[in-house]
Every structure is written in structure tokens, then in C-alpha cells.
C-alpha atoms as a PDB file:
ATOM      1  CA  MET A   1     131.225  55.499 118.897  1.00  0.00           C
ATOM      2  CA  ASP A   2     129.929  57.471 121.859  1.00  0.00           C
ATOM      3  CA  MET A   3     127.884  55.024 123.958  1.00  0.00           C
ATOM      4  CA  ARG A   4     126.235  57.906 125.827  1.00  0.00           C
ATOM      5  CA  LYS A   5     124.504  58.918 122.608  1.00  0.00           C
ATOM      6  CA  ILE A   6     123.270  55.389 122.094  1.00  0.00           C
ATOM      7  CA  ASP A   7     122.063  55.149 125.691  1.00  0.00           C
ATOM      8  CA  ALA A   8     120.220  58.458 125.247  1.00  0.00           C
ATOM      9  CA  LEU A   9     118.173  57.092 122.344  1.00  0.00           C
ATOM     10  CA  GLU A  10     114.563  56.307 123.099  1.00  0.00           C
ATOM     11  CA  LYS A  11     113.942  52.580 123.290  1.00  0.00           C
ATOM     12  CA  TRP A  12     111.531  51.658 120.514  1.00  0.00           C
ATOM     13  CA  ASP A  13     108.665  49.423 121.545  1.00  0.00           C
ATOM     14  CA  VAL A  14     105.906  48.543 119.097  1.00  0.00           C
ATOM     15  CA  GLN A  15     103.410  48.374 121.966  1.00  0.00           C
ATOM     16  CA  ASN A  16     103.759  52.141 122.362  1.00  0.00           C
ATOM     17  CA  ARG A  17     102.873  52.644 118.699  1.00  0.00           C
ATOM     18  CA  LEU A  18      99.642  50.639 118.576  1.00  0.00           C
ATOM     19  CA  ASN A  19      97.353  53.550 119.359  1.00  0.00           C
ATOM     20  CA  THR A  20      94.533  53.214 116.848  1.00  0.00           C
ATOM     21  CA  PRO A  21      92.622  50.358 115.211  1.00  0.00           C
ATOM     22  CA  GLU A  22      94.321  51.373 111.960  1.00  0.00           C
ATOM     23  CA  ASP A  23      97.792  51.075 113.555  1.00  0.00           C
ATOM     24  CA  ILE A  24      96.925  47.634 114.859  1.00  0.00           C
ATOM     25  CA  ALA A  25      95.473  46.464 111.536  1.00  0.00           C
ATOM     26  CA  ALA A  26      98.496  47.724 109.588  1.00  0.00           C
ATOM     27  CA  TYR A  27     100.863  45.975 112.004  1.00  0.00           C
ATOM     28  CA  LEU A  28      99.025  42.663 111.761  1.00  0.00           C
ATOM     29  CA  GLU A  29      98.673  42.923 108.000  1.00  0.00           C
ATOM     30  CA  ALA A  30     102.439  43.352 107.630  1.00  0.00           C
ATOM     31  CA  VAL A  31     103.116  40.446 109.978  1.00  0.00           C
ATOM     32  CA  PHE A  32     100.597  38.162 108.257  1.00  0.00           C
ATOM     33  CA  GLU A  33     102.189  38.897 104.869  1.00  0.00           C
ATOM     34  CA  ASP A  34     105.407  37.386 106.224  1.00  0.00           C
ATOM     35  CA  GLY A  35     103.547  34.143 106.922  1.00  0.00           C
ATOM     36  CA  ASP A  36     105.580  33.136 110.000  1.00  0.00           C
ATOM     37  CA  PRO A  37     103.193  31.672 112.617  1.00  0.00           C
ATOM     38  CA  LYS A  38     105.557  32.513 115.500  1.00  0.00           C
ATOM     39  CA  LEU A  39     105.743  36.126 114.334  1.00  0.00           C
ATOM     40  CA  MET A  40     101.946  36.267 114.059  1.00  0.00           C
ATOM     41  CA  THR A  41     101.577  34.951 117.603  1.00  0.00           C
ATOM     42  CA  ALA A  42     104.154  37.432 118.893  1.00  0.00           C
ATOM     43  CA  ALA A  43     102.362  40.298 117.138  1.00  0.00           C
ATOM     44  CA  LEU A  44      99.059  39.343 118.764  1.00  0.00           C
ATOM     45  CA  GLY A  45     100.938  39.278 122.060  1.00  0.00           C
ATOM     46  CA  ASP A  46     102.275  42.787 121.428  1.00  0.00           C
ATOM     47  CA  ILE A  47      98.776  44.046 120.721  1.00  0.00           C
ATOM     48  CA  ALA A  48      97.267  42.251 123.712  1.00  0.00           C
ATOM     49  CA  LYS A  49      99.945  43.737 125.988  1.00  0.00           C
ATOM     50  CA  SER A  50      99.258  47.203 124.610  1.00  0.00           C
ATOM     51  CA  LYS A  51      95.576  46.767 125.513  1.00  0.00           C
ATOM     52  CA  GLY A  52      96.165  45.062 128.856  1.00  0.00           C
ATOM     53  CA  MET A  53      96.643  41.309 129.031  1.00  0.00           C
ATOM     54  CA  ALA A  54      94.241  40.820 131.939  1.00  0.00           C
ATOM     55  CA  ASN A  55      91.398  42.554 130.091  1.00  0.00           C
ATOM     56  CA  VAL A  56      92.104  40.750 126.822  1.00  0.00           C
ATOM     57  CA  ALA A  57      92.329  37.391 128.612  1.00  0.00           C
ATOM     58  CA  ARG A  58      89.020  37.958 130.388  1.00  0.00           C
ATOM     59  CA  GLU A  59      87.263  38.946 127.152  1.00  0.00           C
ATOM     60  CA  ALA A  60      88.862  36.022 125.294  1.00  0.00           C
ATOM     61  CA  GLY A  61      87.689  33.576 127.951  1.00  0.00           C
ATOM     62  CA  VAL A  62      91.126  32.421 129.131  1.00  0.00           C
ATOM     63  CA  THR A  63      93.250  33.126 132.173  1.00  0.00           C
ATOM     64  CA  ARG A  64      95.923  35.793 132.008  1.00  0.00           C
ATOM     65  CA  GLU A  65      98.589  33.140 132.593  1.00  0.00           C
ATOM     66  CA  ALA A  66      97.229  30.952 129.795  1.00  0.00           C
ATOM     67  CA  LEU A  67      97.213  33.926 127.449  1.00  0.00           C
ATOM     68  CA  TYR A  68     100.814  34.817 128.285  1.00  0.00           C
ATOM     69  CA  ARG A  69     101.794  31.180 127.690  1.00  0.00           C
ATOM     70  CA  ALA A  70      99.870  30.926 124.418  1.00  0.00           C
ATOM     71  CA  LEU A  71     101.334  34.143 123.021  1.00  0.00           C
ATOM     72  CA  SER A  72     104.886  33.542 124.244  1.00  0.00           C
ATOM     73  CA  LYS A  73     107.832  32.758 121.965  1.00  0.00           C
ATOM     74  CA  THR A  74     107.391  29.068 122.680  1.00  0.00           C
ATOM     75  CA  GLY A  75     103.598  29.142 122.670  1.00  0.00           C
ATOM     76  CA  ASP A  76     101.484  27.328 120.114  1.00  0.00           C
ATOM     77  CA  PRO A  77      97.985  28.671 120.717  1.00  0.00           C
ATOM     78  CA  ARG A  78      94.860  26.857 119.659  1.00  0.00           C
ATOM     79  CA  LEU A  79      92.759  28.401 116.929  1.00  0.00           C
ATOM     80  CA  SER A  80      89.964  28.994 119.444  1.00  0.00           C
ATOM     81  CA  THR A  81      92.372  31.022 121.606  1.00  0.00           C
ATOM     82  CA  LEU A  82      93.555  33.072 118.637  1.00  0.00           C
ATOM     83  CA  LEU A  83      89.996  33.775 117.534  1.00  0.00           C
ATOM     84  CA  GLY A  84      89.037  34.733 121.093  1.00  0.00           C
ATOM     85  CA  VAL A  85      91.977  37.129 121.305  1.00  0.00           C
ATOM     86  CA  MET A  86      91.139  38.642 117.928  1.00  0.00           C
ATOM     87  CA  LYS A  87      87.534  39.175 119.019  1.00  0.00           C
ATOM     88  CA  ALA A  88      88.639  40.650 122.362  1.00  0.00           C
ATOM     89  CA  LEU A  89      90.864  43.083 120.463  1.00  0.00           C
ATOM     90  CA  GLY A  90      88.028  44.106 118.150  1.00  0.00           C
ATOM     91  CA  LEU A  91      89.675  42.444 115.160  1.00  0.00           C
ATOM     92  CA  GLU A  92      88.379  40.038 112.570  1.00  0.00           C
ATOM     93  CA  ILE A  93      90.007  37.863 109.960  1.00  0.00           C
ATOM     94  CA  SER A  94      89.099  38.005 106.304  1.00  0.00           C
ATOM     95  CA  VAL A  95      90.186  35.624 103.583  1.00  0.00           C
ATOM     96  CA  LYS A  96      91.009  36.451  99.993  1.00  0.00           C
ATOM     97  CA  PRO A  97      92.562  34.509  97.132  1.00  0.00           C
ATOM     98  CA  SER A  98      96.339  34.529  97.121  1.00  0.00           C
ATOM     99  CA  THR A  99      98.078  36.526  94.434  1.00  0.00           C
ATOM    100  CA  ARG A 100     101.352  34.686  95.019  1.00  0.00           C
ATOM    101  CA  ASN A 101     100.383  31.512  93.153  1.00  0.00           C
ATOM    102  CA  PRO A 102      97.593  32.221  90.664  1.00  0.00           C
ATOM    103  CA  GLU A 103      97.840  28.663  89.249  1.00  0.00           C
ATOM    104  CA  ALA A 104      96.703  27.169  92.564  1.00  0.00           C
ATOM    105  CA  ALA A 105      93.062  28.013  91.842  1.00  0.00           C
END
């Protein structure tokens, strides 16, 4: 395998692909379907970084450092932080009945 060809490949970074509200919503929707809280937190971090962490932190009412910590791999953000970040990003959460376990209703 020619390593020069591999090195010449463009590095793929999701933050460079989150250009529209639709891109962001599709990304989060896919992540939320997985159901992994750590993945959800990381995805919000990706989106916040793409929009500028300092701006998102200010609009969410937390410090930039606190936001980085909350959305890090080891972070466990409070619901109020997550909701603040979602609002700062112009996103909202909606709830619908699960189709995975129809007998739960």
C-alpha cells in the first residue's frame, strides 16, 4: 500500500460538514437513534465547535471551559447545560412515541 496516497487523502471532519440547519438536524437525528449518551454529547460538541465554542458557551450561559468539559469524552453534562446548548445552536427537542417497543404503551 502506498502511504503517500493515504497521506494525500483529505482528513474527514464532521465539523466541516455541518453547514446548514438541515445538516445539523440530520446528524443529531442519526446520533440520537443510536441512543448512546456519550455519542450524543460528542455530537453536540462537534456542532458547538463548528459554530464556535465561545459563542455557544456565552449564549448557553456557561463558560467556554465548562462547555468543553461538559461536552468532552469524559463529560456528563447536566440537562440544563444540554438544553442551553441546544437553544444556543437554534435546536429544539421533540418527543414522539417509540416504534421499537409498541407494547410499552
